[in-house]
Amino acid sequence: MTNDQLPITNYQLPIVMAEGLIAGLVVFTLASFVGFEVINKVPPTLHTPLMSGSNAISGIAVLGAILISGQGSVTVTSILGTIAIALATINVVAGFLVTDRMLQMFKKKEVKA
């Protein structure tokens, strides 16, 4: 049995978890920088379609959270699913309100005589 095939012992578990945490933080940091740069490069006329797309993605997150939290027993997963439902619903509603407000800006105003 080589070193790669040995089972992980209790004293090695925090090291393995720390490696995964560091990798996750690196990916999160890089994704944050890339996302910030991409969003800053978007012209104002494309913000409304992008908001609609992100609202659709948040709607999918709501459905997934409903499926996870509706398993019947109260566990950490169901509690997190309920929190995800609340936050994603707020995100969807607020996104649609902002999108509607932005679309109102493009309508021609009537001239009162």
PDB file of N, CA and C in Angstrom:
ATOM      1  N   MET A   1       0.845  -1.176   0.000  1.00  0.00           N
ATOM      2  CA  MET A   1       0.000   0.000   0.000  1.00  0.00           C
ATOM      3  C   MET A   1       0.894   1.243   0.000  1.00  0.00           C
ATOM      4  N   THR A   2       0.660   2.133  -0.950  1.00  0.00           N
ATOM      5  CA  THR A   2       1.474   3.346  -1.025  1.00  0.00           C
ATOM      6  C   THR A   2       0.889   4.414  -0.099  1.00  0.00           C
ATOM      7  N   ASN A   3       1.614   5.511   0.049  1.00  0.00           N
ATOM      8  CA  ASN A   3       1.151   6.591   0.915  1.00  0.00           C
ATOM      9  C   ASN A   3      -0.146   7.217   0.418  1.00  0.00           C
ATOM     10  N   ASP A   4      -0.364   7.203  -0.890  1.00  0.00           N
ATOM     11  CA  ASP A   4      -1.586   7.789  -1.439  1.00  0.00           C
ATOM     12  C   ASP A   4      -2.818   6.954  -1.111  1.00  0.00           C
ATOM     13  N   GLN A   5      -2.641   5.678  -0.841  1.00  0.00           N
ATOM     14  CA  GLN A   5      -3.767   4.796  -0.612  1.00  0.00           C
ATOM     15  C   GLN A   5      -4.067   4.598   0.870  1.00  0.00           C
ATOM     16  N   LEU A   6      -3.259   5.126   1.758  1.00  0.00           N
ATOM     17  CA  LEU A   6      -3.495   4.951   3.182  1.00  0.00           C
ATOM     18  C   LEU A   6      -4.742   5.715   3.609  1.00  0.00           C
ATOM     19  N   PRO A   7      -5.513   5.157   4.542  1.00  0.00           N
ATOM     20  CA  PRO A   7      -6.699   5.883   5.002  1.00  0.00           C
ATOM     21  C   PRO A   7      -6.303   7.125   5.814  1.00  0.00           C
ATOM     22  N   ILE A   8      -7.176   8.105   5.815  1.00  0.00           N
ATOM     23  CA  ILE A   8      -6.932   9.334   6.565  1.00  0.00           C
ATOM     24  C   ILE A   8      -7.243   9.076   8.029  1.00  0.00           C
ATOM     25  N   THR A   9      -6.303   9.392   8.889  1.00  0.00           N
ATOM     26  CA  THR A   9      -6.517   9.205  10.327  1.00  0.00           C
ATOM     27  C   THR A   9      -7.086  10.484  10.931  1.00  0.00           C
ATOM     28  N   ASN A  10      -7.492  10.399  12.193  1.00  0.00           N
ATOM     29  CA  ASN A  10      -8.131  11.535  12.854  1.00  0.00           C
ATOM     30  C   ASN A  10      -7.221  12.750  12.942  1.00  0.00           C
ATOM     31  N   TYR A  11      -5.934  12.565  13.157  1.00  0.00           N
ATOM     32  CA  TYR A  11      -5.054  13.716  13.291  1.00  0.00           C
ATOM     33  C   TYR A  11      -4.728  14.342  11.940  1.00  0.00           C
ATOM     34  N   GLN A  12      -4.984  13.643  10.830  1.00  0.00           N
ATOM     35  CA  GLN A  12      -4.748  14.194   9.499  1.00  0.00           C
ATOM     36  C   GLN A  12      -5.981  14.910   8.941  1.00  0.00           C
ATOM     37  N   LEU A  13      -7.142  14.671   9.519  1.00  0.00           N
ATOM     38  CA  LEU A  13      -8.383  15.235   8.988  1.00  0.00           C
ATOM     39  C   LEU A  13      -8.382  16.759   8.949  1.00  0.00           C
ATOM     40  N   PRO A  14      -7.942  17.477  10.000  1.00  0.00           N
ATOM     41  CA  PRO A  14      -7.917  18.947   9.891  1.00  0.00           C
ATOM     42  C   PRO A  14      -7.012  19.454   8.775  1.00  0.00           C
ATOM     43  N   ILE A  15      -5.939  18.747   8.483  1.00  0.00           N
ATOM     44  CA  ILE A  15      -5.043  19.163   7.401  1.00  0.00           C
ATOM     45  C   ILE A  15      -5.759  19.042   6.064  1.00  0.00           C
ATOM     46  N   VAL A  16      -6.475  17.944   5.861  1.00  0.00           N
ATOM     47  CA  VAL A  16      -7.204  17.736   4.611  1.00  0.00           C
ATOM     48  C   VAL A  16      -8.315  18.773   4.484  1.00  0.00           C
ATOM     49  N   MET A  17      -9.007  19.062   5.580  1.00  0.00           N
ATOM     50  CA  MET A  17     -10.078  20.053   5.550  1.00  0.00           C
ATOM     51  C   MET A  17      -9.511  21.445   5.285  1.00  0.00           C
ATOM     52  N   ALA A  18      -8.352  21.751   5.852  1.00  0.00           N
ATOM     53  CA  ALA A  18      -7.736  23.059   5.645  1.00  0.00           C
ATOM     54  C   ALA A  18      -7.332  23.235   4.181  1.00  0.00           C
ATOM     55  N   GLU A  19      -6.842  22.186   3.546  1.00  0.00           N
ATOM     56  CA  GLU A  19      -6.480  22.277   2.136  1.00  0.00           C
ATOM     57  C   GLU A  19      -7.706  22.577   1.281  1.00  0.00           C
ATOM     58  N   GLY A  20      -8.815  21.917   1.570  1.00  0.00           N
ATOM     59  CA  GLY A  20     -10.050  22.171   0.834  1.00  0.00           C
ATOM     60  C   GLY A  20     -10.574  23.571   1.070  1.00  0.00           C
ATOM     61  N   LEU A  21     -10.465  24.047   2.311  1.00  0.00           N
ATOM     62  CA  LEU A  21     -10.917  25.392   2.638  1.00  0.00           C
ATOM     63  C   LEU A  21     -10.075  26.444   1.919  1.00  0.00           C
ATOM     64  N   ILE A  22      -8.782  26.254   1.899  1.00  0.00           N
ATOM     65  CA  ILE A  22      -7.895  27.198   1.218  1.00  0.00           C
ATOM     66  C   ILE A  22      -8.180  27.206  -0.282  1.00  0.00           C
ATOM     67  N   ALA A  23      -8.376  26.037  -0.863  1.00  0.00           N
ATOM     68  CA  ALA A  23      -8.698  25.969  -2.296  1.00  0.00           C
ATOM     69  C   ALA A  23     -10.020  26.673  -2.581  1.00  0.00           C
ATOM     70  N   GLY A  24     -11.011  26.466  -1.725  1.00  0.00           N
ATOM     71  CA  GLY A  24     -12.297  27.136  -1.895  1.00  0.00           C
ATOM     72  C   GLY A  24     -12.183  28.643  -1.776  1.00  0.00           C
ATOM     73  N   LEU A  25     -11.375  29.117  -0.830  1.00  0.00           N
ATOM     74  CA  LEU A  25     -11.183  30.560  -0.664  1.00  0.00           C
ATOM     75  C   LEU A  25     -10.460  31.177  -1.853  1.00  0.00           C
ATOM     76  N   VAL A  26      -9.502  30.444  -2.416  1.00  0.00           N
ATOM     77  CA  VAL A  26      -8.792  30.943  -3.599  1.00  0.00           C
ATOM     78  C   VAL A  26      -9.763  31.071  -4.775  1.00  0.00           C
ATOM     79  N   VAL A  27     -10.592  30.059  -4.986  1.00  0.00           N
ATOM     80  CA  VAL A  27     -11.561  30.101  -6.087  1.00  0.00           C
ATOM     81  C   VAL A  27     -12.553  31.245  -5.868  1.00  0.00           C
ATOM     82  N   PHE A  28     -13.029  31.402  -4.623  1.00  0.00           N
ATOM     83  CA  PHE A  28     -13.967  32.482  -4.320  1.00  0.00           C
ATOM     84  C   PHE A  28     -13.348  33.854  -4.580  1.00  0.00           C
ATOM     85  N   THR A  29     -12.109  34.031  -4.161  1.00  0.00           N
ATOM     86  CA  THR A  29     -11.427  35.314  -4.357  1.00  0.00           C
ATOM     87  C   THR A  29     -11.239  35.621  -5.842  1.00  0.00           C
ATOM     88  N   LEU A  30     -10.769  34.633  -6.589  1.00  0.00           N
ATOM     89  CA  LEU A  30     -10.587  34.838  -8.028  1.00  0.00           C
ATOM     90  C   LEU A  30     -11.914  35.112  -8.729  1.00  0.00           C
ATOM     91  N   ALA A  31     -12.961  34.384  -8.354  1.00  0.00           N
ATOM     92  CA  ALA A  31     -14.275  34.602  -8.961  1.00  0.00           C
ATOM     93  C   ALA A  31     -14.812  35.982  -8.618  1.00  0.00           C
ATOM     94  N   SER A  32     -14.533  36.460  -7.413  1.00  0.00           N
ATOM     95  CA  SER A  32     -14.970  37.809  -7.018  1.00  0.00           C
ATOM     96  C   SER A  32     -14.296  38.867  -7.882  1.00  0.00           C
ATOM     97  N   PHE A  33     -12.984  38.748  -8.084  1.00  0.00           N
ATOM     98  CA  PHE A  33     -12.271  39.713  -8.918  1.00  0.00           C
ATOM     99  C   PHE A  33     -12.751  39.665 -10.371  1.00  0.00           C
ATOM    100  N   VAL A  34     -12.907  38.473 -10.907  1.00  0.00           N
ATOM    101  CA  VAL A  34     -13.360  38.338 -12.296  1.00  0.00           C
ATOM    102  C   VAL A  34     -14.774  38.893 -12.439  1.00  0.00           C
ATOM    103  N   GLY A  35     -15.663  38.550 -11.504  1.00  0.00           N
ATOM    104  CA  GLY A  35     -17.032  39.058 -11.551  1.00  0.00           C
ATOM    105  C   GLY A  35     -17.091  40.565 -11.474  1.00  0.00           C
ATOM    106  N   PHE A  36     -16.275  41.152 -10.608  1.00  0.00           N
ATOM    107  CA  PHE A  36     -16.236  42.605 -10.481  1.00  0.00           C
ATOM    108  C   PHE A  36     -15.791  43.260 -11.784  1.00  0.00           C
ATOM    109  N   GLU A  37     -14.760  42.708 -12.389  1.00  0.00           N
ATOM    110  CA  GLU A  37     -14.261  43.274 -13.650  1.00  0.00           C
ATOM    111  C   GLU A  37     -15.277  43.116 -14.778  1.00  0.00           C
ATOM    112  N   VAL A  38     -15.943  41.971 -14.843  1.00  0.00           N
ATOM    113  CA  VAL A  38     -16.925  41.740 -15.903  1.00  0.00           C
ATOM    114  C   VAL A  38     -18.109  42.687 -15.739  1.00  0.00           C
ATOM    115  N   ILE A  39     -18.594  42.852 -14.525  1.00  0.00           N
ATOM    116  CA  ILE A  39     -19.754  43.710 -14.288  1.00  0.00           C
ATOM    117  C   ILE A  39     -19.410  45.170 -14.564  1.00  0.00           C
ATOM    118  N   ASN A  40     -18.204  45.595 -14.233  1.00  0.00           N
ATOM    119  CA  ASN A  40     -17.817  46.984 -14.501  1.00  0.00           C
ATOM    120  C   ASN A  40     -17.712  47.283 -15.991  1.00  0.00           C
ATOM    121  N   LYS A  41     -17.483  46.271 -16.812  1.00  0.00           N
ATOM    122  CA  LYS A  41     -17.338  46.475 -18.248  1.00  0.00           C
ATOM    123  C   LYS A  41     -18.674  46.460 -18.998  1.00  0.00           C
ATOM    124  N   VAL A  42     -19.779  46.141 -18.312  1.00  0.00           N
ATOM    125  CA  VAL A  42     -21.083  46.045 -18.966  1.00  0.00           C
ATOM    126  C   VAL A  42     -21.648  47.446 -19.184  1.00  0.00           C
ATOM    127  N   PRO A  43     -22.054  47.768 -20.411  1.00  0.00           N
ATOM    128  CA  PRO A  43     -22.660  49.085 -20.639  1.00  0.00           C
ATOM    129  C   PRO A  43     -24.038  49.166 -19.972  1.00  0.00           C
ATOM    130  N   PRO A  44     -24.472  50.367 -19.621  1.00  0.00           N
ATOM    131  CA  PRO A  44     -25.745  50.525 -18.908  1.00  0.00           C
ATOM    132  C   PRO A  44     -26.954  49.954 -19.652  1.00  0.00           C
ATOM    133  N   THR A  45     -26.921  49.929 -20.974  1.00  0.00           N
ATOM    134  CA  THR A  45     -28.078  49.414 -21.721  1.00  0.00           C
ATOM    135  C   THR A  45     -28.244  47.901 -21.569  1.00  0.00           C
ATOM    136  N   LEU A  46     -27.203  47.209 -21.140  1.00  0.00           N
ATOM    137  CA  LEU A  46     -27.313  45.757 -20.968  1.00  0.00           C
ATOM    138  C   LEU A  46     -27.640  45.341 -19.538  1.00  0.00           C
ATOM    139  N   HIS A  47     -27.708  46.293 -18.625  1.00  0.00           N
ATOM    140  CA  HIS A  47     -27.976  45.922 -17.232  1.00  0.00           C
ATOM    141  C   HIS A  47     -29.350  45.292 -17.059  1.00  0.00           C
ATOM    142  N   THR A  48     -30.363  45.798 -17.767  1.00  0.00           N
ATOM    143  CA  THR A  48     -31.716  45.259 -17.619  1.00  0.00           C
ATOM    144  C   THR A  48     -31.799  43.806 -18.066  1.00  0.00           C
ATOM    145  N   PRO A  49     -31.285  43.421 -19.243  1.00  0.00           N
ATOM    146  CA  PRO A  49     -31.330  42.003 -19.612  1.00  0.00           C
ATOM    147  C   PRO A  49     -30.512  41.119 -18.657  1.00  0.00           C
ATOM    148  N   LEU A  50     -29.391  41.637 -18.171  1.00  0.00           N
ATOM    149  CA  LEU A  50     -28.599  40.843 -17.242  1.00  0.00           C
ATOM    150  C   LEU A  50     -29.319  40.651 -15.913  1.00  0.00           C
ATOM    151  N   MET A  51     -30.050  41.678 -15.476  1.00  0.00           N
ATOM    152  CA  MET A  51     -30.835  41.550 -14.242  1.00  0.00           C
ATOM    153  C   MET A  51     -31.905  40.487 -14.420  1.00  0.00           C
ATOM    154  N   SER A  52     -32.552  40.456 -15.577  1.00  0.00           N
ATOM    155  CA  SER A  52     -33.581  39.447 -15.824  1.00  0.00           C
ATOM    156  C   SER A  52     -32.977  38.049 -15.801  1.00  0.00           C
ATOM    157  N   GLY A  53     -31.797  37.914 -16.374  1.00  0.00           N
ATOM    158  CA  GLY A  53     -31.124  36.612 -16.357  1.00  0.00           C
ATOM    159  C   GLY A  53     -30.738  36.188 -14.953  1.00  0.00           C
ATOM    160  N   SER A  54     -30.244  37.111 -14.158  1.00  0.00           N
ATOM    161  CA  SER A  54     -29.869  36.756 -12.791  1.00  0.00           C
ATOM    162  C   SER A  54     -31.100  36.457 -11.949  1.00  0.00           C
ATOM    163  N   ASN A  55     -32.237  37.098 -12.251  1.00  0.00           N
ATOM    164  CA  ASN A  55     -33.477  36.760 -11.544  1.00  0.00           C
ATOM    165  C   ASN A  55     -33.915  35.338 -11.865  1.00  0.00           C
ATOM    166  N   ALA A  56     -33.725  34.914 -13.098  1.00  0.00           N
ATOM    167  CA  ALA A  56     -34.076  33.536 -13.469  1.00  0.00           C
ATOM    168  C   ALA A  56     -33.198  32.535 -12.720  1.00  0.00           C
ATOM    169  N   ILE A  57     -31.928  32.857 -12.596  1.00  0.00           N
ATOM    170  CA  ILE A  57     -31.021  31.976 -11.856  1.00  0.00           C
ATOM    171  C   ILE A  57     -31.414  31.921 -10.384  1.00  0.00           C
ATOM    172  N   SER A  58     -31.788  33.062  -9.814  1.00  0.00           N
ATOM    173  CA  SER A  58     -32.231  33.074  -8.418  1.00  0.00           C
ATOM    174  C   SER A  58     -33.526  32.288  -8.249  1.00  0.00           C
ATOM    175  N   GLY A  59     -34.381  32.338  -9.252  1.00  0.00           N
ATOM    176  CA  GLY A  59     -35.605  31.531  -9.197  1.00  0.00           C
ATOM    177  C   GLY A  59     -35.290  30.049  -9.160  1.00  0.00           C
ATOM    178  N   ILE A  60     -34.276  29.621  -9.884  1.00  0.00           N
ATOM    179  CA  ILE A  60     -33.849  28.220  -9.844  1.00  0.00           C
ATOM    180  C   ILE A  60     -33.302  27.886  -8.459  1.00  0.00           C
ATOM    181  N   ALA A  61     -32.590  28.832  -7.848  1.00  0.00           N
ATOM    182  CA  ALA A  61     -32.082  28.621  -6.489  1.00  0.00           C
ATOM    183  C   ALA A  61     -33.230  28.464  -5.506  1.00  0.00           C
ATOM    184  N   VAL A  62     -34.312  29.212  -5.694  1.00  0.00           N
ATOM    185  CA  VAL A  62     -35.487  29.080  -4.820  1.00  0.00           C
ATOM    186  C   VAL A  62     -36.069  27.678  -4.941  1.00  0.00           C
ATOM    187  N   LEU A  63     -36.209  27.193  -6.166  1.00  0.00           N
ATOM    188  CA  LEU A  63     -36.762  25.839  -6.354  1.00  0.00           C
ATOM    189  C   LEU A  63     -35.875  24.775  -5.713  1.00  0.00           C
ATOM    190  N   GLY A  64     -34.560  24.909  -5.886  1.00  0.00           N
ATOM    191  CA  GLY A  64     -33.649  23.949  -5.258  1.00  0.00           C
ATOM    192  C   GLY A  64     -33.721  23.989  -3.739  1.00  0.00           C
ATOM    193  N   ALA A  65     -33.834  25.182  -3.178  1.00  0.00           N
ATOM    194  CA  ALA A  65     -33.925  25.315  -1.728  1.00  0.00           C
ATOM    195  C   ALA A  65     -35.232  24.740  -1.207  1.00  0.00           C
ATOM    196  N   ILE A  66     -36.311  24.902  -1.970  1.00  0.00           N
ATOM    197  CA  ILE A  66     -37.591  24.310  -1.558  1.00  0.00           C
ATOM    198  C   ILE A  66     -37.484  22.794  -1.537  1.00  0.00           C
ATOM    199  N   LEU A  67     -36.844  22.223  -2.543  1.00  0.00           N
ATOM    200  CA  LEU A  67     -36.671  20.770  -2.584  1.00  0.00           C
ATOM    201  C   LEU A  67     -35.840  20.265  -1.404  1.00  0.00           C
ATOM    202  N   ILE A  68     -34.774  20.997  -1.080  1.00  0.00           N
ATOM    203  CA  ILE A  68     -33.902  20.564   0.016  1.00  0.00           C
ATOM    204  C   ILE A  68     -34.591  20.702   1.363  1.00  0.00           C
ATOM    205  N   SER A  69     -35.298  21.815   1.571  1.00  0.00           N
ATOM    206  CA  SER A  69     -35.880  22.047   2.888  1.00  0.00           C
ATOM    207  C   SER A  69     -37.163  21.258   3.101  1.00  0.00           C
ATOM    208  N   GLY A  70     -37.743  20.718   2.072  1.00  0.00           N
ATOM    209  CA  GLY A  70     -38.994  19.988   2.214  1.00  0.00           C
ATOM    210  C   GLY A  70     -38.831  18.496   2.430  1.00  0.00           C
ATOM    211  N   GLN A  71     -37.769  18.074   3.058  1.00  0.00           N
ATOM    212  CA  GLN A  71     -37.525  16.648   3.246  1.00  0.00           C
ATOM    213  C   GLN A  71     -38.252  16.057   4.446  1.00  0.00           C
ATOM    214  N   GLY A  72     -38.871  16.875   5.276  1.00  0.00           N
ATOM    215  CA  GLY A  72     -39.688  16.358   6.363  1.00  0.00           C
ATOM    216  C   GLY A  72     -39.055  16.413   7.736  1.00  0.00           C
ATOM    217  N   SER A  73     -37.771  16.211   7.860  1.00  0.00           N
ATOM    218  CA  SER A  73     -37.137  16.245   9.168  1.00  0.00           C
ATOM    219  C   SER A  73     -36.368  17.556   9.325  1.00  0.00           C
ATOM    220  N   VAL A  74     -36.258  17.999  10.586  1.00  0.00           N
ATOM    221  CA  VAL A  74     -35.550  19.245  10.857  1.00  0.00           C
ATOM    222  C   VAL A  74     -34.077  18.919  11.068  1.00  0.00           C
ATOM    223  N   THR A  75     -33.287  19.287  10.089  1.00  0.00           N
ATOM    224  CA  THR A  75     -31.841  19.094  10.165  1.00  0.00           C
ATOM    225  C   THR A  75     -31.173  20.414   9.794  1.00  0.00           C
ATOM    226  N   VAL A  76     -29.872  20.419   9.855  1.00  0.00           N
ATOM    227  CA  VAL A  76     -29.127  21.615   9.454  1.00  0.00           C
ATOM    228  C   VAL A  76     -29.408  21.926   7.991  1.00  0.00           C
ATOM    229  N   THR A  77     -29.521  20.891   7.185  1.00  0.00           N
ATOM    230  CA  THR A  77     -29.790  21.095   5.759  1.00  0.00           C
ATOM    231  C   THR A  77     -31.131  21.762   5.532  1.00  0.00           C
ATOM    232  N   SER A  78     -32.162  21.341   6.255  1.00  0.00           N
ATOM    233  CA  SER A  78     -33.485  21.942   6.067  1.00  0.00           C
ATOM    234  C   SER A  78     -33.514  23.384   6.582  1.00  0.00           C
ATOM    235  N   ILE A  79     -32.784  23.659   7.661  1.00  0.00           N
ATOM    236  CA  ILE A  79     -32.714  25.036   8.178  1.00  0.00           C
ATOM    237  C   ILE A  79     -32.001  25.928   7.165  1.00  0.00           C
ATOM    238  N   LEU A  80     -30.876  25.457   6.627  1.00  0.00           N
ATOM    239  CA  LEU A  80     -30.161  26.235   5.610  1.00  0.00           C
ATOM    240  C   LEU A  80     -31.001  26.394   4.349  1.00  0.00           C
ATOM    241  N   GLY A  81     -31.766  25.363   4.003  1.00  0.00           N
ATOM    242  CA  GLY A  81     -32.656  25.456   2.845  1.00  0.00           C
ATOM    243  C   GLY A  81     -33.728  26.509   3.040  1.00  0.00           C
ATOM    244  N   THR A  82     -34.276  26.596   4.256  1.00  0.00           N
ATOM    245  CA  THR A  82     -35.288  27.611   4.553  1.00  0.00           C
ATOM    246  C   THR A  82     -34.699  29.018   4.475  1.00  0.00           C
ATOM    247  N   ILE A  83     -33.498  29.180   5.011  1.00  0.00           N
ATOM    248  CA  ILE A  83     -32.822  30.476   4.919  1.00  0.00           C
ATOM    249  C   ILE A  83     -32.552  30.820   3.452  1.00  0.00           C
ATOM    250  N   ALA A  84     -32.138  29.814   2.666  1.00  0.00           N
ATOM    251  CA  ALA A  84     -31.877  30.049   1.238  1.00  0.00           C
ATOM    252  C   ALA A  84     -33.150  30.446   0.506  1.00  0.00           C
ATOM    253  N   ILE A  85     -34.285  29.855   0.885  1.00  0.00           N
ATOM    254  CA  ILE A  85     -35.563  30.230   0.264  1.00  0.00           C
ATOM    255  C   ILE A  85     -35.859  31.699   0.529  1.00  0.00           C
ATOM    256  N   ALA A  86     -35.706  32.111   1.785  1.00  0.00           N
ATOM    257  CA  ALA A  86     -36.008  33.500   2.145  1.00  0.00           C
ATOM    258  C   ALA A  86     -35.099  34.474   1.401  1.00  0.00           C
ATOM    259  N   LEU A  87     -33.796  34.211   1.411  1.00  0.00           N
ATOM    260  CA  LEU A  87     -32.860  35.131   0.768  1.00  0.00           C
ATOM    261  C   LEU A  87     -33.024  35.162  -0.751  1.00  0.00           C
ATOM    262  N   ALA A  88     -33.203  34.011  -1.366  1.00  0.00           N
ATOM    263  CA  ALA A  88     -33.358  33.978  -2.823  1.00  0.00           C
ATOM    264  C   ALA A  88     -34.672  34.615  -3.253  1.00  0.00           C
ATOM    265  N   THR A  89     -35.726  34.461  -2.433  1.00  0.00           N
ATOM    266  CA  THR A  89     -37.005  35.099  -2.754  1.00  0.00           C
ATOM    267  C   THR A  89     -36.879  36.614  -2.685  1.00  0.00           C
ATOM    268  N   ILE A  90     -36.195  37.105  -1.655  1.00  0.00           N
ATOM    269  CA  ILE A  90     -35.949  38.551  -1.555  1.00  0.00           C
ATOM    270  C   ILE A  90     -35.160  39.029  -2.769  1.00  0.00           C
ATOM    271  N   ASN A  91     -34.170  38.254  -3.175  1.00  0.00           N
ATOM    272  CA  ASN A  91     -33.354  38.622  -4.333  1.00  0.00           C
ATOM    273  C   ASN A  91     -34.184  38.662  -5.614  1.00  0.00           C
ATOM    274  N   VAL A  92     -35.059  37.693  -5.797  1.00  0.00           N
ATOM    275  CA  VAL A  92     -35.881  37.640  -7.011  1.00  0.00           C
ATOM    276  C   VAL A  92     -36.841  38.825  -7.048  1.00  0.00           C
ATOM    277  N   VAL A  93     -37.550  39.067  -5.936  1.00  0.00           N
ATOM    278  CA  VAL A  93     -38.529  40.158  -5.902  1.00  0.00           C
ATOM    279  C   VAL A  93     -37.836  41.510  -6.099  1.00  0.00           C
ATOM    280  N   ALA A  94     -36.753  41.735  -5.387  1.00  0.00           N
ATOM    281  CA  ALA A  94     -36.030  42.999  -5.527  1.00  0.00           C
ATOM    282  C   ALA A  94     -35.471  43.154  -6.941  1.00  0.00           C
ATOM    283  N   GLY A  95     -34.989  42.078  -7.524  1.00  0.00           N
ATOM    284  CA  GLY A  95     -34.469  42.139  -8.888  1.00  0.00           C
ATOM    285  C   GLY A  95     -35.539  42.507  -9.891  1.00  0.00           C
ATOM    286  N   PHE A  96     -36.738  41.923  -9.734  1.00  0.00           N
ATOM    287  CA  PHE A  96     -37.819  42.276 -10.644  1.00  0.00           C
ATOM    288  C   PHE A  96     -38.268  43.722 -10.445  1.00  0.00           C
ATOM    289  N   LEU A  97     -38.266  44.206  -9.203  1.00  0.00           N
ATOM    290  CA  LEU A  97     -38.633  45.598  -8.961  1.00  0.00           C
ATOM    291  C   LEU A  97     -37.620  46.554  -9.601  1.00  0.00           C
ATOM    292  N   VAL A  98     -36.343  46.237  -9.452  1.00  0.00           N
ATOM    293  CA  VAL A  98     -35.305  47.083 -10.056  1.00  0.00           C
ATOM    294  C   VAL A  98     -35.392  47.027 -11.581  1.00  0.00           C
ATOM    295  N   THR A  99     -35.608  45.837 -12.125  1.00  0.00           N
ATOM    296  CA  THR A  99     -35.728  45.698 -13.581  1.00  0.00           C
ATOM    297  C   THR A  99     -36.914  46.496 -14.097  1.00  0.00           C
ATOM    298  N   ASP A 100     -38.053  46.410 -13.396  1.00  0.00           N
ATOM    299  CA  ASP A 100     -39.233  47.164 -13.814  1.00  0.00           C
ATOM    300  C   ASP A 100     -38.970  48.663 -13.750  1.00  0.00           C
ATOM    301  N   ARG A 101     -38.307  49.101 -12.717  1.00  0.00           N
ATOM    302  CA  ARG A 101     -37.997  50.529 -12.596  1.00  0.00           C
ATOM    303  C   ARG A 101     -37.058  50.986 -13.723  1.00  0.00           C
ATOM    304  N   MET A 102     -36.094  50.154 -14.062  1.00  0.00           N
ATOM    305  CA  MET A 102     -35.188  50.510 -15.152  1.00  0.00           C
ATOM    306  C   MET A 102     -35.927  50.557 -16.485  1.00  0.00           C
ATOM    307  N   LEU A 103     -36.872  49.632 -16.701  1.00  0.00           N
ATOM    308  CA  LEU A 103     -37.639  49.646 -17.948  1.00  0.00           C
ATOM    309  C   LEU A 103     -38.546  50.863 -18.026  1.00  0.00           C
ATOM    310  N   GLN A 104     -39.030  51.346 -16.888  1.00  0.00           N
ATOM    311  CA  GLN A 104     -39.854  52.557 -16.874  1.00  0.00           C
ATOM    312  C   GLN A 104     -39.051  53.766 -17.357  1.00  0.00           C
ATOM    313  N   MET A 105     -37.754  53.755 -17.138  1.00  0.00           N
ATOM    314  CA  MET A 105     -36.917  54.873 -17.569  1.00  0.00           C
ATOM    315  C   MET A 105     -36.851  54.970 -19.093  1.00  0.00           C
ATOM    316  N   PHE A 106     -37.048  53.851 -19.797  1.00  0.00           N
ATOM    317  CA  PHE A 106     -36.940  53.851 -21.249  1.00  0.00           C
ATOM    318  C   PHE A 106     -38.250  54.205 -21.944  1.00  0.00           C
ATOM    319  N   LYS A 107     -39.355  54.257 -21.189  1.00  0.00           N
ATOM    320  CA  LYS A 107     -40.632  54.622 -21.809  1.00  0.00           C
ATOM    321  C   LYS A 107     -40.667  56.113 -22.094  1.00  0.00           C
ATOM    322  N   LYS A 108     -41.309  56.438 -23.196  1.00  0.00           N
ATOM    323  CA  LYS A 108     -41.443  57.853 -23.549  1.00  0.00           C
ATOM    324  C   LYS A 108     -42.485  58.496 -22.639  1.00  0.00           C
ATOM    325  N   LYS A 109     -42.148  59.662 -22.169  1.00  0.00           N
ATOM    326  CA  LYS A 109     -43.073  60.396 -21.298  1.00  0.00           C
ATOM    327  C   LYS A 109     -44.060  61.163 -22.161  1.00  0.00           C
ATOM    328  N   GLU A 110     -45.306  61.170 -21.707  1.00  0.00           N
ATOM    329  CA  GLU A 110     -46.339  61.887 -22.426  1.00  0.00           C
ATOM    330  C   GLU A 110     -46.216  63.375 -22.145  1.00  0.00           C
ATOM    331  N   VAL A 111     -46.372  64.155 -23.196  1.00  0.00           N
ATOM    332  CA  VAL A 111     -46.325  65.614 -23.057  1.00  0.00           C
ATOM    333  C   VAL A 111     -47.723  66.092 -22.734  1.00  0.00           C
ATOM    334  N   LYS A 112     -47.868  66.778 -21.615  1.00  0.00           N
ATOM    335  CA  LYS A 112     -49.184  67.302 -21.239  1.00  0.00           C
ATOM    336  C   LYS A 112     -49.403  68.643 -21.895  1.00  0.00           C
ATOM    337  N   ALA A 113     -50.567  68.782 -22.533  1.00  0.00           N
ATOM    338  CA  ALA A 113     -50.844  70.017 -23.255  1.00  0.00           C
ATOM    339  C   ALA A 113     -51.532  71.036 -22.393  1.00  0.00           C
TER     340      ALA A 113
END
